[in-house]
Amino acid sequence: MDQKTILLRQMAANHNEPNWFVPVERALDGLTSEQANEKNGISNSIWEIVNHLIFWNERYLSRFKGNPTSKKIESNDETFHSETNQDWEETKTQLYRILKEWANAVKDAEDDVFERSAHEDRHDPWYSVLANINIHNAYHIGQIVEIRKTNGNWDPKKGVH
């Protein structure tokens, strides 16, 4: 199995195809904006986690497509907050759109792209960066499910069978 196929399978598992863990579409299914905003102590809310996923996936997708990233950040904490004032449904739609764009960009990419450096200042090949993005997404999807379980709004039937 080649790198592209592995990455695409990981992306699908994160986005909308149940595998070893719940994909983000299922993790967010049925969640109201009020539930998405709930906070427990100092932890981020689900909505904040989704904002964070949007920020990093969009940033790296732009870079993958050869476009410069515009917004400089001082701290990763900034990535959990949105400046767009979208409602919850628009926020989820934005994340799903970005994940779909990612899959299409990887599917359409020439195989040699995955060996190229993803950063100007160091040599991290795209296959490695994409694998880490997939791990990062899966980590936060797990957080979302755990928060929902803690808050009592998770349906266990949505889990992996």
N, C-alpha and C. Protein backbone atom coordinates (compact mmCIF):
# COMPACT_ATOMS: atom_id res chain seq x y z
N MET A 1 0.86 -1.17 0.00
CA MET A 1 0.00 0.00 0.00
C MET A 1 0.91 1.24 0.00
N ASP A 2 0.60 2.20 -0.85
CA ASP A 2 1.44 3.38 -0.96
C ASP A 2 1.04 4.44 0.08
N GLN A 3 1.90 5.46 0.21
CA GLN A 3 1.69 6.53 1.19
C GLN A 3 0.35 7.22 1.00
N LYS A 4 0.02 7.53 -0.23
CA LYS A 4 -1.22 8.25 -0.51
C LYS A 4 -2.42 7.45 0.00
N THR A 5 -2.46 6.17 -0.28
CA THR A 5 -3.58 5.34 0.14
C THR A 5 -3.69 5.29 1.66
N ILE A 6 -2.57 5.14 2.32
CA ILE A 6 -2.56 5.11 3.79
C ILE A 6 -3.09 6.43 4.34
N LEU A 7 -2.60 7.55 3.83
CA LEU A 7 -3.04 8.86 4.30
C LEU A 7 -4.52 9.08 4.04
N LEU A 8 -4.99 8.67 2.88
CA LEU A 8 -6.42 8.83 2.55
C LEU A 8 -7.29 7.98 3.47
N ARG A 9 -6.84 6.78 3.81
CA ARG A 9 -7.61 5.94 4.73
C ARG A 9 -7.64 6.56 6.13
N GLN A 10 -6.52 7.13 6.56
CA GLN A 10 -6.49 7.81 7.85
C GLN A 10 -7.43 9.01 7.84
N MET A 11 -7.40 9.77 6.77
CA MET A 11 -8.26 10.95 6.67
C MET A 11 -9.74 10.56 6.70
N ALA A 12 -10.10 9.50 5.99
CA ALA A 12 -11.49 9.04 5.99
C ALA A 12 -11.91 8.58 7.39
N ALA A 13 -11.02 7.89 8.09
CA ALA A 13 -11.32 7.44 9.46
C ALA A 13 -11.55 8.64 10.38
N ASN A 14 -10.81 9.70 10.19
CA ASN A 14 -10.98 10.90 10.99
C ASN A 14 -12.26 11.65 10.62
N HIS A 15 -12.61 11.65 9.36
CA HIS A 15 -13.72 12.47 8.88
C HIS A 15 -15.07 11.79 9.02
N ASN A 16 -15.27 10.68 8.30
CA ASN A 16 -16.63 10.15 8.25
C ASN A 16 -16.76 8.64 8.10
N GLU A 17 -15.67 7.90 8.20
CA GLU A 17 -15.76 6.45 8.08
C GLU A 17 -15.33 5.79 9.39
N PRO A 18 -16.30 5.23 10.14
CA PRO A 18 -15.94 4.58 11.41
C PRO A 18 -14.89 3.50 11.17
N ASN A 19 -13.93 3.45 12.05
CA ASN A 19 -12.85 2.49 11.95
C ASN A 19 -12.53 2.03 13.36
N TRP A 20 -11.31 2.25 13.80
CA TRP A 20 -10.93 1.87 15.16
C TRP A 20 -11.46 2.87 16.18
N PHE A 21 -11.89 4.03 15.69
CA PHE A 21 -12.44 5.06 16.56
C PHE A 21 -13.54 5.79 15.81
N VAL A 22 -14.27 6.61 16.53
CA VAL A 22 -15.40 7.34 15.97
C VAL A 22 -14.89 8.50 15.11
N PRO A 23 -15.39 8.65 13.88
CA PRO A 23 -14.99 9.80 13.06
C PRO A 23 -15.65 11.08 13.58
N VAL A 24 -15.10 12.22 13.22
CA VAL A 24 -15.57 13.49 13.76
C VAL A 24 -17.04 13.76 13.42
N GLU A 25 -17.50 13.39 12.24
CA GLU A 25 -18.91 13.63 11.91
C GLU A 25 -19.83 12.90 12.89
N ARG A 26 -19.47 11.69 13.26
CA ARG A 26 -20.28 10.95 14.22
C ARG A 26 -20.09 11.52 15.63
N ALA A 27 -18.88 11.94 15.96
CA ALA A 27 -18.61 12.50 17.29
C ALA A 27 -19.40 13.78 17.54
N LEU A 28 -19.69 14.53 16.47
CA LEU A 28 -20.42 15.80 16.62
C LEU A 28 -21.91 15.66 16.32
N ASP A 29 -22.33 14.53 15.81
CA ASP A 29 -23.71 14.34 15.41
C ASP A 29 -24.67 14.53 16.59
N GLY A 30 -25.69 15.35 16.38
CA GLY A 30 -26.71 15.57 17.39
C GLY A 30 -26.32 16.50 18.51
N LEU A 31 -25.13 17.06 18.46
CA LEU A 31 -24.64 17.96 19.50
C LEU A 31 -25.19 19.36 19.27
N THR A 32 -25.85 19.91 20.26
CA THR A 32 -26.40 21.27 20.14
C THR A 32 -25.31 22.30 20.37
N SER A 33 -25.57 23.53 20.00
CA SER A 33 -24.59 24.60 20.23
C SER A 33 -24.35 24.80 21.72
N GLU A 34 -25.40 24.64 22.54
CA GLU A 34 -25.24 24.77 23.98
C GLU A 34 -24.32 23.69 24.52
N GLN A 35 -24.52 22.47 24.05
CA GLN A 35 -23.67 21.36 24.49
C GLN A 35 -22.23 21.56 23.99
N ALA A 36 -22.09 22.05 22.77
CA ALA A 36 -20.75 22.28 22.21
C ALA A 36 -19.99 23.35 22.99
N ASN A 37 -20.72 24.25 23.64
CA ASN A 37 -20.10 25.34 24.41
C ASN A 37 -19.83 25.00 25.86
N GLU A 38 -20.34 23.86 26.34
CA GLU A 38 -20.15 23.49 27.75
C GLU A 38 -18.67 23.36 28.08
N LYS A 39 -18.32 23.86 29.27
CA LYS A 39 -16.93 23.76 29.73
C LYS A 39 -16.90 23.09 31.09
N ASN A 40 -15.89 22.27 31.28
CA ASN A 40 -15.64 21.64 32.57
C ASN A 40 -14.29 22.11 33.08
N GLY A 41 -14.31 22.98 34.07
CA GLY A 41 -13.06 23.49 34.61
C GLY A 41 -12.29 24.28 33.58
N ILE A 42 -11.02 23.97 33.44
CA ILE A 42 -10.16 24.73 32.52
C ILE A 42 -10.06 24.10 31.14
N SER A 43 -10.74 22.97 30.95
CA SER A 43 -10.68 22.28 29.66
C SER A 43 -11.38 23.11 28.59
N ASN A 44 -10.97 22.89 27.36
CA ASN A 44 -11.63 23.54 26.22
C ASN A 44 -12.99 22.90 25.99
N SER A 45 -13.90 23.70 25.45
CA SER A 45 -15.19 23.17 25.05
C SER A 45 -15.03 22.43 23.72
N ILE A 46 -16.04 21.67 23.36
CA ILE A 46 -16.01 20.98 22.07
C ILE A 46 -15.94 21.99 20.94
N TRP A 47 -16.68 23.07 21.05
CA TRP A 47 -16.66 24.11 20.00
C TRP A 47 -15.25 24.67 19.86
N GLU A 48 -14.59 24.90 20.98
CA GLU A 48 -13.21 25.42 20.92
C GLU A 48 -12.28 24.41 20.26
N ILE A 49 -12.48 23.14 20.55
CA ILE A 49 -11.65 22.10 19.92
C ILE A 49 -11.89 22.08 18.41
N VAL A 50 -13.14 22.21 18.00
CA VAL A 50 -13.45 22.25 16.56
C VAL A 50 -12.80 23.47 15.92
N ASN A 51 -12.83 24.63 16.58
CA ASN A 51 -12.13 25.81 16.05
C ASN A 51 -10.65 25.52 15.86
N HIS A 52 -10.06 24.85 16.83
CA HIS A 52 -8.64 24.49 16.78
C HIS A 52 -8.36 23.56 15.58
N LEU A 53 -9.22 22.58 15.38
CA LEU A 53 -9.06 21.68 14.23
C LEU A 53 -9.18 22.43 12.92
N ILE A 54 -10.13 23.34 12.85
CA ILE A 54 -10.30 24.17 11.65
C ILE A 54 -9.02 24.96 11.39
N PHE A 55 -8.51 25.62 12.43
CA PHE A 55 -7.33 26.47 12.26
C PHE A 55 -6.16 25.68 11.67
N TRP A 56 -5.80 24.56 12.33
CA TRP A 56 -4.60 23.85 11.89
C TRP A 56 -4.80 23.11 10.58
N ASN A 57 -5.96 22.51 10.35
CA ASN A 57 -6.19 21.83 9.08
C ASN A 57 -6.23 22.82 7.93
N GLU A 58 -6.86 23.95 8.13
CA GLU A 58 -6.92 24.97 7.07
C GLU A 58 -5.54 25.54 6.78
N ARG A 59 -4.78 25.78 7.82
CA ARG A 59 -3.44 26.35 7.67
C ARG A 59 -2.54 25.43 6.86
N TYR A 60 -2.53 24.14 7.22
CA TYR A 60 -1.67 23.20 6.51
C TYR A 60 -2.21 22.87 5.11
N LEU A 61 -3.51 22.86 4.95
CA LEU A 61 -4.09 22.65 3.62
C LEU A 61 -3.66 23.78 2.69
N SER A 62 -3.71 24.99 3.17
CA SER A 62 -3.28 26.14 2.37
C SER A 62 -1.81 25.98 1.97
N ARG A 63 -0.99 25.59 2.92
CA ARG A 63 0.44 25.38 2.65
C ARG A 63 0.64 24.24 1.65
N PHE A 64 -0.12 23.16 1.81
CA PHE A 64 -0.01 22.01 0.91
C PHE A 64 -0.34 22.42 -0.53
N LYS A 65 -1.33 23.32 -0.67
CA LYS A 65 -1.73 23.80 -1.99
C LYS A 65 -0.78 24.86 -2.54
N GLY A 66 0.26 25.20 -1.78
CA GLY A 66 1.25 26.18 -2.25
C GLY A 66 0.89 27.61 -1.95
N ASN A 67 -0.10 27.84 -1.11
CA ASN A 67 -0.51 29.19 -0.75
C ASN A 67 0.12 29.57 0.59
N PRO A 68 0.48 30.83 0.73
CA PRO A 68 1.08 31.25 1.99
C PRO A 68 0.04 31.26 3.11
N THR A 69 0.51 31.02 4.32
CA THR A 69 -0.37 31.15 5.48
C THR A 69 -0.23 32.58 5.97
N SER A 70 -1.35 33.21 6.20
CA SER A 70 -1.33 34.63 6.49
C SER A 70 -1.26 34.97 7.96
N LYS A 71 -2.05 34.31 8.77
CA LYS A 71 -2.18 34.71 10.16
C LYS A 71 -1.04 34.17 11.02
N LYS A 72 -0.35 35.08 11.68
CA LYS A 72 0.67 34.70 12.65
C LYS A 72 -0.02 34.53 14.00
N ILE A 73 0.41 33.56 14.76
CA ILE A 73 -0.15 33.38 16.09
C ILE A 73 0.97 33.46 17.12
N GLU A 74 0.63 33.99 18.26
CA GLU A 74 1.59 34.09 19.36
C GLU A 74 1.59 32.83 20.20
N SER A 75 0.40 32.20 20.31
CA SER A 75 0.24 31.04 21.17
C SER A 75 -0.79 30.10 20.55
N ASN A 76 -0.58 28.81 20.74
CA ASN A 76 -1.54 27.82 20.27
C ASN A 76 -2.92 28.04 20.90
N ASP A 77 -2.97 28.64 22.07
CA ASP A 77 -4.24 28.92 22.74
C ASP A 77 -5.16 29.75 21.86
N GLU A 78 -4.59 30.61 21.03
CA GLU A 78 -5.40 31.45 20.13
C GLU A 78 -6.20 30.63 19.14
N THR A 79 -5.72 29.45 18.80
CA THR A 79 -6.35 28.64 17.75
C THR A 79 -7.67 28.02 18.19
N PHE A 80 -7.98 28.09 19.47
CA PHE A 80 -9.22 27.52 19.98
C PHE A 80 -10.38 28.51 19.89
N HIS A 81 -10.09 29.71 19.45
CA HIS A 81 -11.12 30.75 19.37
C HIS A 81 -11.26 31.20 17.92
N SER A 82 -12.48 31.37 17.49
CA SER A 82 -12.77 31.77 16.11
C SER A 82 -13.02 33.27 16.05
N GLU A 83 -12.58 33.86 14.98
CA GLU A 83 -12.82 35.29 14.75
C GLU A 83 -14.00 35.52 13.81
N THR A 84 -14.62 34.43 13.33
CA THR A 84 -15.66 34.57 12.30
C THR A 84 -17.07 34.70 12.86
N ASN A 85 -17.27 34.41 14.13
CA ASN A 85 -18.60 34.48 14.75
C ASN A 85 -19.63 33.63 14.02
N GLN A 86 -19.21 32.47 13.52
CA GLN A 86 -20.14 31.55 12.87
C GLN A 86 -21.00 30.87 13.93
N ASP A 87 -22.18 30.41 13.51
CA ASP A 87 -22.96 29.60 14.44
C ASP A 87 -22.40 28.17 14.41
N TRP A 88 -22.94 27.33 15.28
CA TRP A 88 -22.42 25.98 15.44
C TRP A 88 -22.53 25.16 14.16
N GLU A 89 -23.67 25.22 13.48
CA GLU A 89 -23.83 24.44 12.25
C GLU A 89 -22.83 24.90 11.19
N GLU A 90 -22.60 26.19 11.06
CA GLU A 90 -21.63 26.71 10.09
C GLU A 90 -20.21 26.27 10.47
N THR A 91 -19.93 26.23 11.75
CA THR A 91 -18.60 25.81 12.21
C THR A 91 -18.36 24.36 11.85
N LYS A 92 -19.34 23.49 12.13
CA LYS A 92 -19.19 22.08 11.76
C LYS A 92 -19.04 21.92 10.25
N THR A 93 -19.85 22.64 9.49
CA THR A 93 -19.79 22.56 8.03
C THR A 93 -18.42 22.98 7.52
N GLN A 94 -17.86 24.01 8.13
CA GLN A 94 -16.52 24.46 7.73
C GLN A 94 -15.48 23.36 7.97
N LEU A 95 -15.54 22.72 9.13
CA LEU A 95 -14.59 21.64 9.41
C LEU A 95 -14.75 20.51 8.40
N TYR A 96 -15.97 20.08 8.15
CA TYR A 96 -16.20 18.98 7.20
C TYR A 96 -15.72 19.35 5.80
N ARG A 97 -15.93 20.60 5.41
CA ARG A 97 -15.49 21.06 4.09
C ARG A 97 -13.96 20.99 3.99
N ILE A 98 -13.28 21.44 5.03
CA ILE A 98 -11.82 21.42 5.03
C ILE A 98 -11.30 19.99 4.97
N LEU A 99 -11.90 19.10 5.73
CA LEU A 99 -11.46 17.70 5.72
C LEU A 99 -11.69 17.07 4.35
N LYS A 100 -12.80 17.42 3.71
CA LYS A 100 -13.05 16.92 2.35
C LYS A 100 -12.04 17.50 1.36
N GLU A 101 -11.75 18.79 1.50
CA GLU A 101 -10.74 19.42 0.63
C GLU A 101 -9.39 18.77 0.81
N TRP A 102 -9.05 18.43 2.06
CA TRP A 102 -7.79 17.75 2.33
C TRP A 102 -7.73 16.43 1.56
N ALA A 103 -8.78 15.64 1.70
CA ALA A 103 -8.80 14.33 1.02
C ALA A 103 -8.68 14.50 -0.49
N ASN A 104 -9.38 15.48 -1.04
CA ASN A 104 -9.29 15.71 -2.48
C ASN A 104 -7.90 16.18 -2.89
N ALA A 105 -7.29 17.03 -2.09
CA ALA A 105 -5.94 17.53 -2.41
C ALA A 105 -4.93 16.39 -2.38
N VAL A 106 -5.05 15.51 -1.41
CA VAL A 106 -4.13 14.37 -1.32
C VAL A 106 -4.39 13.41 -2.48
N LYS A 107 -5.65 13.14 -2.75
CA LYS A 107 -6.00 12.23 -3.85
C LYS A 107 -5.47 12.74 -5.18
N ASP A 108 -5.54 14.06 -5.40
CA ASP A 108 -5.13 14.65 -6.68
C ASP A 108 -3.62 14.93 -6.77
N ALA A 109 -2.91 14.82 -5.66
CA ALA A 109 -1.48 15.17 -5.64
C ALA A 109 -0.65 14.11 -6.35
N GLU A 110 0.40 14.58 -6.99
CA GLU A 110 1.38 13.66 -7.57
C GLU A 110 2.13 12.97 -6.44
N ASP A 111 2.54 11.73 -6.66
CA ASP A 111 3.18 10.95 -5.60
C ASP A 111 4.44 11.59 -5.04
N ASP A 112 5.18 12.32 -5.86
CA ASP A 112 6.43 12.91 -5.38
C ASP A 112 6.21 14.05 -4.39
N VAL A 113 5.01 14.60 -4.32
CA VAL A 113 4.71 15.69 -3.39
C VAL A 113 4.92 15.23 -1.95
N PHE A 114 4.63 14.00 -1.65
CA PHE A 114 4.69 13.51 -0.29
C PHE A 114 6.11 13.43 0.27
N GLU A 115 7.09 13.41 -0.64
CA GLU A 115 8.50 13.40 -0.22
C GLU A 115 9.06 14.81 -0.06
N ARG A 116 8.37 15.79 -0.60
CA ARG A 116 8.84 17.19 -0.52
C ARG A 116 8.70 17.73 0.90
N SER A 117 9.51 18.72 1.20
CA SER A 117 9.47 19.35 2.52
C SER A 117 8.19 20.18 2.68
N ALA A 118 7.58 20.05 3.84
CA ALA A 118 6.37 20.81 4.15
C ALA A 118 6.70 22.16 4.77
N HIS A 119 7.93 22.33 5.21
CA HIS A 119 8.34 23.57 5.88
C HIS A 119 9.55 24.17 5.16
N GLU A 120 9.62 25.47 5.19
CA GLU A 120 10.75 26.15 4.54
C GLU A 120 12.04 26.01 5.34
N ASP A 121 11.91 25.96 6.67
CA ASP A 121 13.09 26.02 7.53
C ASP A 121 13.62 24.66 8.00
N ARG A 122 12.93 23.59 7.67
CA ARG A 122 13.43 22.26 8.04
C ARG A 122 12.83 21.24 7.08
N HIS A 123 13.42 20.05 7.05
CA HIS A 123 12.95 19.04 6.11
C HIS A 123 12.04 18.04 6.82
N ASP A 124 10.77 18.36 6.85
CA ASP A 124 9.74 17.42 7.28
C ASP A 124 8.92 17.11 6.03
N PRO A 125 9.05 15.89 5.50
CA PRO A 125 8.31 15.58 4.28
C PRO A 125 6.81 15.59 4.53
N TRP A 126 6.06 15.90 3.48
CA TRP A 126 4.61 15.99 3.59
C TRP A 126 3.97 14.73 4.13
N TYR A 127 4.49 13.53 3.76
CA TYR A 127 3.88 12.31 4.27
C TYR A 127 3.93 12.27 5.79
N SER A 128 5.02 12.75 6.37
CA SER A 128 5.16 12.78 7.82
C SER A 128 4.25 13.83 8.46
N VAL A 129 4.20 15.00 7.86
CA VAL A 129 3.34 16.08 8.36
C VAL A 129 1.87 15.66 8.29
N LEU A 130 1.46 15.05 7.18
CA LEU A 130 0.08 14.60 7.03
C LEU A 130 -0.26 13.50 8.03
N ALA A 131 0.66 12.59 8.26
CA ALA A 131 0.42 11.55 9.26
C ALA A 131 0.22 12.19 10.64
N ASN A 132 1.02 13.20 10.95
CA ASN A 132 0.87 13.89 12.24
C ASN A 132 -0.43 14.68 12.32
N ILE A 133 -0.86 15.27 11.22
CA ILE A 133 -2.15 15.97 11.20
C ILE A 133 -3.26 14.95 11.49
N ASN A 134 -3.18 13.79 10.87
CA ASN A 134 -4.19 12.76 11.12
C ASN A 134 -4.19 12.30 12.57
N ILE A 135 -3.01 12.14 13.16
CA ILE A 135 -2.92 11.77 14.57
C ILE A 135 -3.50 12.88 15.44
N HIS A 136 -3.17 14.10 15.12
CA HIS A 136 -3.67 15.27 15.86
C HIS A 136 -5.20 15.31 15.80
N ASN A 137 -5.77 15.12 14.62
CA ASN A 137 -7.23 15.11 14.48
C ASN A 137 -7.85 13.99 15.31
N ALA A 138 -7.27 12.79 15.24
CA ALA A 138 -7.81 11.65 15.99
C ALA A 138 -7.75 11.91 17.49
N TYR A 139 -6.67 12.50 17.95
CA TYR A 139 -6.54 12.84 19.37
C TYR A 139 -7.69 13.73 19.83
N HIS A 140 -7.96 14.78 19.05
CA HIS A 140 -9.01 15.72 19.44
C HIS A 140 -10.41 15.13 19.27
N ILE A 141 -10.60 14.23 18.32
CA ILE A 141 -11.88 13.54 18.20
C ILE A 141 -12.12 12.71 19.46
N GLY A 142 -11.09 12.06 19.95
CA GLY A 142 -11.20 11.31 21.20
C GLY A 142 -11.58 12.22 22.36
N GLN A 143 -10.99 13.41 22.40
CA GLN A 143 -11.36 14.38 23.44
C GLN A 143 -12.84 14.73 23.35
N ILE A 144 -13.31 14.97 22.14
CA ILE A 144 -14.71 15.34 21.93
C ILE A 144 -15.63 14.25 22.48
N VAL A 145 -15.34 13.00 22.14
CA VAL A 145 -16.17 11.90 22.62
C VAL A 145 -16.10 11.81 24.14
N GLU A 146 -14.93 11.96 24.70
CA GLU A 146 -14.77 11.89 26.16
C GLU A 146 -15.54 13.02 26.85
N ILE A 147 -15.49 14.22 26.30
CA ILE A 147 -16.24 15.35 26.86
C ILE A 147 -17.74 15.05 26.80
N ARG A 148 -18.18 14.52 25.68
CA ARG A 148 -19.61 14.19 25.56
C ARG A 148 -20.00 13.13 26.58
N LYS A 149 -19.16 12.13 26.79
CA LYS A 149 -19.46 11.11 27.80
C LYS A 149 -19.54 11.75 29.18
N THR A 150 -18.58 12.59 29.50
CA THR A 150 -18.55 13.27 30.80
C THR A 150 -19.78 14.14 31.01
N ASN A 151 -20.21 14.81 29.95
CA ASN A 151 -21.35 15.71 30.03
C ASN A 151 -22.69 14.98 29.90
N GLY A 152 -22.64 13.68 29.66
CA GLY A 152 -23.86 12.90 29.60
C GLY A 152 -24.66 13.06 28.33
N ASN A 153 -24.02 13.50 27.25
CA ASN A 153 -24.76 13.65 25.99
C ASN A 153 -24.17 12.81 24.86
N TRP A 154 -23.57 11.68 25.23
CA TRP A 154 -23.03 10.76 24.23
C TRP A 154 -23.92 9.52 24.16
N ASP A 155 -24.28 9.13 22.96
CA ASP A 155 -25.05 7.92 22.74
C ASP A 155 -24.05 6.79 22.45
N PRO A 156 -23.93 5.82 23.35
CA PRO A 156 -22.96 4.74 23.13
C PRO A 156 -23.18 3.96 21.83
N LYS A 157 -24.39 4.03 21.28
CA LYS A 157 -24.66 3.35 20.01
C LYS A 157 -23.87 3.99 18.86
N LYS A 158 -23.37 5.20 19.08
CA LYS A 158 -22.58 5.88 18.04
C LYS A 158 -21.12 5.45 18.04
N GLY A 159 -20.75 4.65 19.02
CA GLY A 159 -19.38 4.19 19.13
C GLY A 159 -19.04 3.18 18.06
N VAL A 160 -17.82 2.73 18.07
CA VAL A 160 -17.36 1.74 17.11
C VAL A 160 -17.89 0.38 17.54
N HIS A 161 -18.42 -0.36 16.60
CA HIS A 161 -19.00 -1.67 16.91
C HIS A 161 -17.99 -2.77 16.68
